[in-house]
């Protein structure tokens, strides 16, 4: 299975965008670790684990989903993240 590479532009500050991402993950009882440069996250959705890493470049949050359920397309994950973060 290939990774999902997702780039999410944001207009908020880096700390503000990461706070939104962290809240979205932790609301689902997941973990979000890192700083304003990079980190990782893990969340369980419907009993399936989604894991990934992130890095920040300017006003873009770059995510690499390294583990996801096979039946969930990258586009679905990207759409949900865009609603939460941008």
C-alpha atoms as a PDB file:
ATOM      1  CA  UNK A   1       0.000   0.000   0.000  1.00  0.00           C
ATOM      2  CA  UNK A   2       1.398   3.380  -0.932  1.00  0.00           C
ATOM      3  CA  UNK A   3       1.482   6.326   1.407  1.00  0.00           C
ATOM      4  CA  UNK A   4      -0.934   9.228   1.135  1.00  0.00           C
ATOM      5  CA  UNK A   5       0.880  12.525   0.643  1.00  0.00           C
ATOM      6  CA  UNK A   6      -1.336  15.461   1.568  1.00  0.00           C
ATOM      7  CA  UNK A   7      -0.487  19.164   1.564  1.00  0.00           C
ATOM      8  CA  UNK A   8      -2.854  21.468   3.428  1.00  0.00           C
ATOM      9  CA  UNK A   9      -2.395  25.226   3.105  1.00  0.00           C
ATOM     10  CA  UNK A  10      -3.412  27.305   6.112  1.00  0.00           C
ATOM     11  CA  UNK A  11      -3.790  31.012   6.827  1.00  0.00           C
ATOM     12  CA  UNK A  12      -3.541  30.751  10.603  1.00  0.00           C
ATOM     13  CA  UNK A  13      -0.218  30.817  12.434  1.00  0.00           C
ATOM     14  CA  UNK A  14       1.755  27.569  12.478  1.00  0.00           C
ATOM     15  CA  UNK A  15       0.928  27.068  16.143  1.00  0.00           C
ATOM     16  CA  UNK A  16      -2.755  27.758  15.433  1.00  0.00           C
ATOM     17  CA  UNK A  17      -2.913  25.267  12.557  1.00  0.00           C
ATOM     18  CA  UNK A  18      -1.147  22.602  14.597  1.00  0.00           C
ATOM     19  CA  UNK A  19      -3.470  23.250  17.541  1.00  0.00           C
ATOM     20  CA  UNK A  20      -6.441  22.562  15.236  1.00  0.00           C
ATOM     21  CA  UNK A  21      -4.821  19.378  13.946  1.00  0.00           C
ATOM     22  CA  UNK A  22      -3.966  18.225  17.464  1.00  0.00           C
ATOM     23  CA  UNK A  23      -7.513  18.915  18.692  1.00  0.00           C
ATOM     24  CA  UNK A  24      -9.011  16.998  15.761  1.00  0.00           C
ATOM     25  CA  UNK A  25      -6.803  13.964  16.476  1.00  0.00           C
ATOM     26  CA  UNK A  26      -7.178  14.053  20.266  1.00  0.00           C
ATOM     27  CA  UNK A  27     -10.971  14.439  20.022  1.00  0.00           C
ATOM     28  CA  UNK A  28     -10.901  10.953  18.486  1.00  0.00           C
ATOM     29  CA  UNK A  29      -8.698   9.679  21.368  1.00  0.00           C
ATOM     30  CA  UNK A  30      -5.609   9.764  19.168  1.00  0.00           C
ATOM     31  CA  UNK A  31      -2.099  11.027  19.858  1.00  0.00           C
ATOM     32  CA  UNK A  32      -0.363  13.997  18.253  1.00  0.00           C
ATOM     33  CA  UNK A  33       3.310  14.575  19.020  1.00  0.00           C
ATOM     34  CA  UNK A  34       5.782  17.073  17.665  1.00  0.00           C
ATOM     35  CA  UNK A  35       6.607  20.728  17.353  1.00  0.00           C
ATOM     36  CA  UNK A  36       6.188  23.554  14.831  1.00  0.00           C
ATOM     37  CA  UNK A  37       8.539  21.800  12.392  1.00  0.00           C
ATOM     38  CA  UNK A  38       7.538  18.138  12.370  1.00  0.00           C
ATOM     39  CA  UNK A  39       5.963  15.286  14.293  1.00  0.00           C
ATOM     40  CA  UNK A  40       3.685  12.284  14.098  1.00  0.00           C
ATOM     41  CA  UNK A  41       0.149  11.254  14.882  1.00  0.00           C
ATOM     42  CA  UNK A  42      -1.993   8.170  15.337  1.00  0.00           C
ATOM     43  CA  UNK A  43      -5.751   7.826  15.586  1.00  0.00           C
ATOM     44  CA  UNK A  44      -8.193   4.943  15.550  1.00  0.00           C
ATOM     45  CA  UNK A  45     -11.275   5.336  13.376  1.00  0.00           C
ATOM     46  CA  UNK A  46     -13.961   2.648  13.479  1.00  0.00           C
ATOM     47  CA  UNK A  47     -11.443   0.242  14.980  1.00  0.00           C
ATOM     48  CA  UNK A  48      -8.828   0.921  12.297  1.00  0.00           C
ATOM     49  CA  UNK A  49      -5.588   2.787  12.859  1.00  0.00           C
ATOM     50  CA  UNK A  50      -4.433   5.757  10.814  1.00  0.00           C
ATOM     51  CA  UNK A  51      -0.793   6.748  11.388  1.00  0.00           C
ATOM     52  CA  UNK A  52       1.309   9.429   9.838  1.00  0.00           C
ATOM     53  CA  UNK A  53       3.950  12.097  10.034  1.00  0.00           C
ATOM     54  CA  UNK A  54       3.804  15.808   9.396  1.00  0.00           C
ATOM     55  CA  UNK A  55       6.147  18.635   8.547  1.00  0.00           C
ATOM     56  CA  UNK A  56       5.534  22.338   8.131  1.00  0.00           C
ATOM     57  CA  UNK A  57       6.871  24.397   5.228  1.00  0.00           C
ATOM     58  CA  UNK A  58       5.838  28.046   5.319  1.00  0.00           C
ATOM     59  CA  UNK A  59       2.044  28.038   5.522  1.00  0.00           C
ATOM     60  CA  UNK A  60       1.612  24.460   4.349  1.00  0.00           C
ATOM     61  CA  UNK A  61       1.109  21.409   6.524  1.00  0.00           C
ATOM     62  CA  UNK A  62       2.599  18.395   4.733  1.00  0.00           C
ATOM     63  CA  UNK A  63       1.215  15.060   5.873  1.00  0.00           C
ATOM     64  CA  UNK A  64       2.318  11.563   4.989  1.00  0.00           C
ATOM     65  CA  UNK A  65      -0.196   8.902   5.993  1.00  0.00           C
ATOM     66  CA  UNK A  66       1.910   5.771   6.511  1.00  0.00           C
ATOM     67  CA  UNK A  67      -0.811   3.405   7.717  1.00  0.00           C
ATOM     68  CA  UNK A  68      -4.519   3.455   6.914  1.00  0.00           C
ATOM     69  CA  UNK A  69      -7.364   1.012   6.317  1.00  0.00           C
ATOM     70  CA  UNK A  70      -7.250  -0.257   2.728  1.00  0.00           C
ATOM     71  CA  UNK A  71     -10.905   0.681   2.184  1.00  0.00           C
ATOM     72  CA  UNK A  72     -10.378   4.369   3.027  1.00  0.00           C
ATOM     73  CA  UNK A  73      -9.036   6.322   0.045  1.00  0.00           C
ATOM     74  CA  UNK A  74      -6.456   9.062   0.497  1.00  0.00           C
ATOM     75  CA  UNK A  75      -8.966  11.558  -0.914  1.00  0.00           C
ATOM     76  CA  UNK A  76     -11.363  10.877   1.974  1.00  0.00           C
ATOM     77  CA  UNK A  77      -8.656  11.489   4.566  1.00  0.00           C
ATOM     78  CA  UNK A  78      -7.578  14.657   2.755  1.00  0.00           C
ATOM     79  CA  UNK A  79     -11.143  15.984   2.634  1.00  0.00           C
ATOM     80  CA  UNK A  80     -11.658  15.450   6.365  1.00  0.00           C
ATOM     81  CA  UNK A  81      -8.346  17.093   7.226  1.00  0.00           C
ATOM     82  CA  UNK A  82      -9.052  20.110   5.031  1.00  0.00           C
ATOM     83  CA  UNK A  83     -12.297  20.726   6.915  1.00  0.00           C
ATOM     84  CA  UNK A  84     -10.529  20.569  10.277  1.00  0.00           C
ATOM     85  CA  UNK A  85      -7.348  22.496   9.587  1.00  0.00           C
ATOM     86  CA  UNK A  86      -7.682  25.028   6.773  1.00  0.00           C
END
